[in-house]
Every structure is written in C-alpha cells, then in structure tokens.
Amino acid sequence: MKPLMDDCDRATAGLIISMASPPVRKLCVVIAARFTENPDNAKGEYRYKPSYYLTPTTVNGSPVPIQDTSDGCETLTAKGGLKRFGVVGLRRFDVEGFLQTVDVWKTLVEECPDATNTAFNFQWASIPQVRLSRPFSAWHGANRNNLIWHTDVANRQKVDELSSKAIEIMHGPGQRQR
C-alpha cells in the first residue's frame, strides 16, 4: 500500500485499520480504500491490484453510492462503553511504525479484553500533483486515528497509555505531539 499512497499521479484515499471485527473478534487488518478518479477509466482495480491477492479478502471494486458511504459508522453510535476518538496529523506512512502499532493493539486487547472494540488506523488522501510555486507531497491529508472503545473504567489509564504509545510510534523519533 505504501507505493500507492506515495503516488501523487493518482487520486487514492482510504484507511488501513487494525481491529477485531465482529463476530470472530480476532485481529484483522482492514484496507478500506477509495479510488477517487473518474470511475469510468477503470484503473481503480489496477491501482489496488496487490490488495486483491490478500486472503481472506472481500473486494468488489465497485463504486459506493453516496447514500451508503457512512454505513460503516453505525457501530459507533451503539450505546454503552467509554469512547474517544483521537486524530493526529502525520507527514508520512511508516510501514514499520504501523506494524508496531498492530503489536500495541494486540497488547491492549490482551491486557484489557474490554477494549476489543478499539481500532487503530491510518488514513491517507493522495492527490495528483498540481503546479504550484512550491512543491508539496501526496501526503496532503494523512493522519493517524485511534478509536478507543472500552467498557471497564478501571482500565482507563492502561487504555490511554497504549493509545498514546501507538500515536507516538507513528509520529516517529523526534516528532513533537500537540
């Protein structure tokens, strides 16, 4: 996914998420990607071809009707639990850093089983290069999101510590958090 994210000749966007999807509740990595160029040019499947080889996978490659784009957020409106959403801007996607955050997620769920609904994700929006007087990168709109969701108040400190650790990893050494 990194070469795709770094390509500022194509308009792509999406999320890479570490989570425990129901009903199985085992760690999975979800790639929810969007090809934002004209869908009639049929290059979306070509751009995402490497992700089609992942197994198990559910890929349909078809456009999502505008009225269905927020369906995935319905879970967040469920009653109960302690929920927080943290967003942190990033300069780039670091593969090793993301893999380390997956390990942090595993630790979180092992030490605080009530936090199984927590998800760590990286969101990107790569846009075609435009002619400006100053250069800019495809990382226009990259960020790290942590959806923290647990049910036991006694675990709040541990959950917060591990969420902060995941954000710190993606920031990289020497980066200042605000």
C-alpha atoms as a PDB file:
ATOM      1  CA  MET A   1       0.000   0.000   0.000  1.00  0.00           C
ATOM      2  CA  LYS A   2       2.888   2.405   0.638  1.00  0.00           C
ATOM      3  CA  PRO A   3       3.798   2.806  -3.077  1.00  0.00           C
ATOM      4  CA  LEU A   4       0.140   3.503  -3.816  1.00  0.00           C
ATOM      5  CA  MET A   5      -0.068   6.086  -1.015  1.00  0.00           C
ATOM      6  CA  ASP A   6       3.128   7.797  -2.141  1.00  0.00           C
ATOM      7  CA  ASP A   7       1.998   8.049  -5.773  1.00  0.00           C
ATOM      8  CA  CYS A   8       0.898  11.626  -6.400  1.00  0.00           C
ATOM      9  CA  ASP A   9      -0.014  10.845 -10.020  1.00  0.00           C
ATOM     10  CA  ARG A  10      -3.201   9.034  -8.953  1.00  0.00           C
ATOM     11  CA  ALA A  11      -6.050  10.116  -6.705  1.00  0.00           C
ATOM     12  CA  THR A  12      -6.457   7.495  -3.988  1.00  0.00           C
ATOM     13  CA  ALA A  13      -7.608   7.643  -0.393  1.00  0.00           C
ATOM     14  CA  GLY A  14      -8.532   5.243   2.350  1.00  0.00           C
ATOM     15  CA  LEU A  15      -7.817   3.636   5.687  1.00  0.00           C
ATOM     16  CA  ILE A  16      -5.636   0.793   6.935  1.00  0.00           C
ATOM     17  CA  ILE A  17      -7.150  -0.413  10.202  1.00  0.00           C
ATOM     18  CA  SER A  18      -6.077  -2.883  12.895  1.00  0.00           C
ATOM     19  CA  MET A  19      -9.205  -4.103  14.645  1.00  0.00           C
ATOM     20  CA  ALA A  20     -11.197  -7.115  15.846  1.00  0.00           C
ATOM     21  CA  SER A  21     -14.120  -7.324  13.505  1.00  0.00           C
ATOM     22  CA  PRO A  22     -17.281  -8.995  14.801  1.00  0.00           C
ATOM     23  CA  PRO A  23     -18.378 -11.731  15.133  1.00  0.00           C
ATOM     24  CA  VAL A  24     -14.999 -13.543  15.279  1.00  0.00           C
ATOM     25  CA  ARG A  25     -13.210 -10.836  17.294  1.00  0.00           C
ATOM     26  CA  LYS A  26      -9.710 -11.813  16.155  1.00  0.00           C
ATOM     27  CA  LEU A  27      -7.154  -9.323  14.946  1.00  0.00           C
ATOM     28  CA  CYS A  28      -7.554  -8.366  11.328  1.00  0.00           C
ATOM     29  CA  VAL A  29      -6.137  -5.645   9.168  1.00  0.00           C
ATOM     30  CA  VAL A  30      -8.763  -3.936   7.056  1.00  0.00           C
ATOM     31  CA  ILE A  31      -7.922  -1.912   3.978  1.00  0.00           C
ATOM     32  CA  ALA A  32     -10.796   0.379   3.107  1.00  0.00           C
ATOM     33  CA  ALA A  33      -9.528   2.179   0.022  1.00  0.00           C
ATOM     34  CA  ARG A  34     -11.077   4.603  -2.397  1.00  0.00           C
ATOM     35  CA  PHE A  35     -10.057   5.369  -5.952  1.00  0.00           C
ATOM     36  CA  THR A  36     -11.177   8.941  -6.347  1.00  0.00           C
ATOM     37  CA  GLU A  37     -10.512   9.489 -10.035  1.00  0.00           C
ATOM     38  CA  ASN A  38     -13.197   9.144 -12.672  1.00  0.00           C
ATOM     39  CA  PRO A  39     -14.593   5.591 -12.188  1.00  0.00           C
ATOM     40  CA  ASP A  40     -15.184   5.267 -15.931  1.00  0.00           C
ATOM     41  CA  ASN A  41     -11.453   4.965 -16.598  1.00  0.00           C
ATOM     42  CA  ALA A  42     -11.439   1.538 -14.816  1.00  0.00           C
ATOM     43  CA  LYS A  43      -7.951   1.978 -13.380  1.00  0.00           C
ATOM     44  CA  GLY A  44      -9.061   1.523  -9.768  1.00  0.00           C
ATOM     45  CA  GLU A  45      -8.689  -2.244  -9.885  1.00  0.00           C
ATOM     46  CA  TYR A  46      -5.268  -1.861 -11.485  1.00  0.00           C
ATOM     47  CA  ARG A  47      -4.093   0.602  -8.819  1.00  0.00           C
ATOM     48  CA  TYR A  48      -5.214  -1.706  -5.984  1.00  0.00           C
ATOM     49  CA  LYS A  49      -4.248  -4.992  -7.649  1.00  0.00           C
ATOM     50  CA  PRO A  50      -1.761  -6.004  -4.888  1.00  0.00           C
ATOM     51  CA  SER A  51      -4.545  -5.839  -2.284  1.00  0.00           C
ATOM     52  CA  TYR A  52      -6.660  -8.240  -4.339  1.00  0.00           C
ATOM     53  CA  TYR A  53      -4.125 -11.005  -3.563  1.00  0.00           C
ATOM     54  CA  LEU A  54      -4.584 -10.753   0.210  1.00  0.00           C
ATOM     55  CA  THR A  55      -6.562 -13.588   1.751  1.00  0.00           C
ATOM     56  CA  PRO A  56      -9.105 -13.742   3.094  1.00  0.00           C
ATOM     57  CA  THR A  57     -10.448 -10.727   1.340  1.00  0.00           C
ATOM     58  CA  THR A  58     -13.679  -9.146   0.309  1.00  0.00           C
ATOM     59  CA  VAL A  59     -13.177  -6.937  -2.677  1.00  0.00           C
ATOM     60  CA  ASN A  60     -15.805  -5.774  -5.059  1.00  0.00           C
ATOM     61  CA  GLY A  61     -14.076  -2.790  -6.633  1.00  0.00           C
ATOM     62  CA  SER A  62     -17.372  -1.089  -7.404  1.00  0.00           C
ATOM     63  CA  PRO A  63     -18.409   2.487  -6.649  1.00  0.00           C
ATOM     64  CA  VAL A  64     -20.221   3.082  -3.347  1.00  0.00           C
ATOM     65  CA  PRO A  65     -23.440   5.068  -3.688  1.00  0.00           C
ATOM     66  CA  ILE A  66     -23.222   8.361  -1.802  1.00  0.00           C
ATOM     67  CA  GLN A  67     -26.135   7.408   0.468  1.00  0.00           C
ATOM     68  CA  ASP A  68     -24.155   4.346   1.683  1.00  0.00           C
ATOM     69  CA  THR A  69     -20.786   5.963   2.410  1.00  0.00           C
ATOM     70  CA  SER A  70     -21.319   6.381   6.153  1.00  0.00           C
ATOM     71  CA  ASP A  71     -22.872   2.956   6.839  1.00  0.00           C
ATOM     72  CA  GLY A  72     -19.656   1.769   8.463  1.00  0.00           C
ATOM     73  CA  CYS A  73     -20.057   4.373  11.227  1.00  0.00           C
ATOM     74  CA  GLU A  74     -23.303   2.918  12.573  1.00  0.00           C
ATOM     75  CA  THR A  75     -21.383   0.829  15.105  1.00  0.00           C
ATOM     76  CA  LEU A  76     -20.016   3.972  16.711  1.00  0.00           C
ATOM     77  CA  THR A  77     -23.497   5.074  17.720  1.00  0.00           C
ATOM     78  CA  ALA A  78     -24.063   1.971  19.862  1.00  0.00           C
ATOM     79  CA  LYS A  79     -24.963   2.759  23.462  1.00  0.00           C
ATOM     80  CA  GLY A  80     -22.565   1.950  26.280  1.00  0.00           C
ATOM     81  CA  GLY A  81     -18.850   1.865  26.838  1.00  0.00           C
ATOM     82  CA  LEU A  82     -16.219   4.551  27.069  1.00  0.00           C
ATOM     83  CA  LYS A  83     -15.409   6.007  23.645  1.00  0.00           C
ATOM     84  CA  ARG A  84     -12.871   8.531  22.475  1.00  0.00           C
ATOM     85  CA  PHE A  85     -11.579   9.381  19.053  1.00  0.00           C
ATOM     86  CA  GLY A  86      -8.108  10.787  18.572  1.00  0.00           C
ATOM     87  CA  VAL A  87      -6.754  12.219  15.324  1.00  0.00           C
ATOM     88  CA  VAL A  88      -3.134  13.181  14.784  1.00  0.00           C
ATOM     89  CA  GLY A  89      -1.664  14.609  11.576  1.00  0.00           C
ATOM     90  CA  LEU A  90       1.351  12.817  10.112  1.00  0.00           C
ATOM     91  CA  ARG A  91       3.935  13.612   7.461  1.00  0.00           C
ATOM     92  CA  ARG A  92       4.125  10.110   6.022  1.00  0.00           C
ATOM     93  CA  PHE A  93       3.104   6.481   6.382  1.00  0.00           C
ATOM     94  CA  ASP A  94       5.779   4.393   8.079  1.00  0.00           C
ATOM     95  CA  VAL A  95       5.281   0.670   7.405  1.00  0.00           C
ATOM     96  CA  GLU A  96       7.415  -0.466  10.353  1.00  0.00           C
ATOM     97  CA  GLY A  97       5.664   2.020  12.640  1.00  0.00           C
ATOM     98  CA  PHE A  98       2.251   0.750  11.560  1.00  0.00           C
ATOM     99  CA  LEU A  99       3.280  -2.855  12.230  1.00  0.00           C
ATOM    100  CA  GLN A 100       4.475  -1.794  15.685  1.00  0.00           C
ATOM    101  CA  THR A 101       1.086  -0.213  16.371  1.00  0.00           C
ATOM    102  CA  VAL A 102      -0.567  -3.518  15.458  1.00  0.00           C
ATOM    103  CA  ASP A 103       1.546  -5.084  18.232  1.00  0.00           C
ATOM    104  CA  VAL A 104       0.406  -2.325  20.611  1.00  0.00           C
ATOM    105  CA  TRP A 105      -3.208  -3.088  19.640  1.00  0.00           C
ATOM    106  CA  LYS A 106      -2.627  -6.793  20.422  1.00  0.00           C
ATOM    107  CA  THR A 107      -1.169  -5.873  23.825  1.00  0.00           C
ATOM    108  CA  LEU A 108      -4.118  -3.594  24.518  1.00  0.00           C
ATOM    109  CA  VAL A 109      -6.682  -6.313  23.846  1.00  0.00           C
ATOM    110  CA  GLU A 110      -4.691  -8.945  25.769  1.00  0.00           C
ATOM    111  CA  GLU A 111      -4.304  -6.715  28.851  1.00  0.00           C
ATOM    112  CA  CYS A 112      -7.723  -5.052  28.596  1.00  0.00           C
ATOM    113  CA  PRO A 113     -10.155  -7.504  26.942  1.00  0.00           C
ATOM    114  CA  ASP A 114     -12.937  -4.959  27.390  1.00  0.00           C
ATOM    115  CA  ALA A 115     -11.170  -2.820  24.748  1.00  0.00           C
ATOM    116  CA  THR A 116     -11.776  -5.264  21.881  1.00  0.00           C
ATOM    117  CA  ASN A 117     -13.768  -2.605  20.016  1.00  0.00           C
ATOM    118  CA  THR A 118     -10.728  -0.321  19.898  1.00  0.00           C
ATOM    119  CA  ALA A 119      -9.322   0.242  16.403  1.00  0.00           C
ATOM    120  CA  PHE A 120      -6.093   1.931  15.321  1.00  0.00           C
ATOM    121  CA  ASN A 121      -5.979   3.201  11.776  1.00  0.00           C
ATOM    122  CA  PHE A 122      -4.016   5.265   9.343  1.00  0.00           C
ATOM    123  CA  GLN A 123      -5.894   7.406   6.853  1.00  0.00           C
ATOM    124  CA  TRP A 124      -4.427   8.854   3.681  1.00  0.00           C
ATOM    125  CA  ALA A 125      -5.508  11.038   0.811  1.00  0.00           C
ATOM    126  CA  SER A 126      -3.122  11.109  -2.123  1.00  0.00           C
ATOM    127  CA  ILE A 127      -3.917  13.677  -4.754  1.00  0.00           C
ATOM    128  CA  PRO A 128      -2.380  14.299  -8.169  1.00  0.00           C
ATOM    129  CA  GLN A 129       0.465  16.783  -8.163  1.00  0.00           C
ATOM    130  CA  VAL A 130      -0.597  20.265  -9.150  1.00  0.00           C
ATOM    131  CA  ARG A 131       1.563  23.075 -10.440  1.00  0.00           C
ATOM    132  CA  LEU A 132       2.385  25.382  -7.562  1.00  0.00           C
ATOM    133  CA  SER A 133       5.187  27.808  -6.919  1.00  0.00           C
ATOM    134  CA  ARG A 134       6.274  25.492  -4.096  1.00  0.00           C
ATOM    135  CA  PRO A 135       6.314  21.675  -4.089  1.00  0.00           C
ATOM    136  CA  PHE A 136       4.016  19.632  -1.900  1.00  0.00           C
ATOM    137  CA  SER A 137       3.723  15.902  -1.383  1.00  0.00           C
ATOM    138  CA  ALA A 138       0.975  13.373  -1.906  1.00  0.00           C
ATOM    139  CA  TRP A 139       0.582  13.325   1.879  1.00  0.00           C
ATOM    140  CA  HIS A 140      -1.981  16.046   1.800  1.00  0.00           C
ATOM    141  CA  GLY A 141      -4.397  14.897   4.488  1.00  0.00           C
ATOM    142  CA  ALA A 142      -2.545  11.988   6.134  1.00  0.00           C
ATOM    143  CA  ASN A 143      -3.428  11.221   9.716  1.00  0.00           C
ATOM    144  CA  ARG A 144      -3.476   8.625  12.428  1.00  0.00           C
ATOM    145  CA  ASN A 145      -6.825   7.846  14.069  1.00  0.00           C
ATOM    146  CA  ASN A 146      -7.387   5.912  17.251  1.00  0.00           C
ATOM    147  CA  LEU A 147     -10.927   4.864  18.070  1.00  0.00           C
ATOM    148  CA  ILE A 148     -10.683   3.982  21.740  1.00  0.00           C
ATOM    149  CA  TRP A 149     -13.634   1.986  22.990  1.00  0.00           C
ATOM    150  CA  HIS A 150     -13.644   0.022  26.236  1.00  0.00           C
ATOM    151  CA  THR A 151     -16.135  -0.758  28.984  1.00  0.00           C
ATOM    152  CA  ASP A 152     -14.201  -1.061  32.264  1.00  0.00           C
ATOM    153  CA  VAL A 153     -13.417   2.275  33.949  1.00  0.00           C
ATOM    154  CA  ALA A 154     -10.612   0.564  35.875  1.00  0.00           C
ATOM    155  CA  ASN A 155      -8.730   0.073  32.576  1.00  0.00           C
ATOM    156  CA  ARG A 156      -8.887   3.725  31.531  1.00  0.00           C
ATOM    157  CA  GLN A 157      -5.267   4.559  32.388  1.00  0.00           C
ATOM    158  CA  LYS A 158      -3.848   1.465  30.663  1.00  0.00           C
ATOM    159  CA  VAL A 159      -6.006   2.014  27.571  1.00  0.00           C
ATOM    160  CA  ASP A 160      -4.927   5.676  27.395  1.00  0.00           C
ATOM    161  CA  GLU A 161      -1.238   4.739  27.797  1.00  0.00           C
ATOM    162  CA  LEU A 162      -1.362   2.222  24.949  1.00  0.00           C
ATOM    163  CA  SER A 163      -3.301   4.596  22.707  1.00  0.00           C
ATOM    164  CA  SER A 164      -0.675   7.286  23.314  1.00  0.00           C
ATOM    165  CA  LYS A 165       2.083   4.770  22.618  1.00  0.00           C
ATOM    166  CA  ALA A 166       0.539   3.908  19.234  1.00  0.00           C
ATOM    167  CA  ILE A 167       0.375   7.585  18.292  1.00  0.00           C
ATOM    168  CA  GLU A 168       3.954   8.163  19.460  1.00  0.00           C
ATOM    169  CA  ILE A 169       5.191   5.265  17.302  1.00  0.00           C
ATOM    170  CA  MET A 170       3.582   6.666  14.153  1.00  0.00           C
ATOM    171  CA  HIS A 171       4.924  10.158  14.847  1.00  0.00           C
ATOM    172  CA  GLY A 172       8.437   8.734  14.735  1.00  0.00           C
ATOM    173  CA  PRO A 173      11.505   9.698  16.715  1.00  0.00           C
ATOM    174  CA  GLY A 174      11.952  13.387  17.434  1.00  0.00           C
ATOM    175  CA  GLN A 175       8.440  14.394  16.385  1.00  0.00           C
ATOM    176  CA  ARG A 176       6.555  16.622  18.763  1.00  0.00           C
ATOM    177  CA  GLN A 177       2.966  15.812  19.736  1.00  0.00           C
ATOM    178  CA  ARG A 178       0.452  18.593  20.322  1.00  0.00           C
END
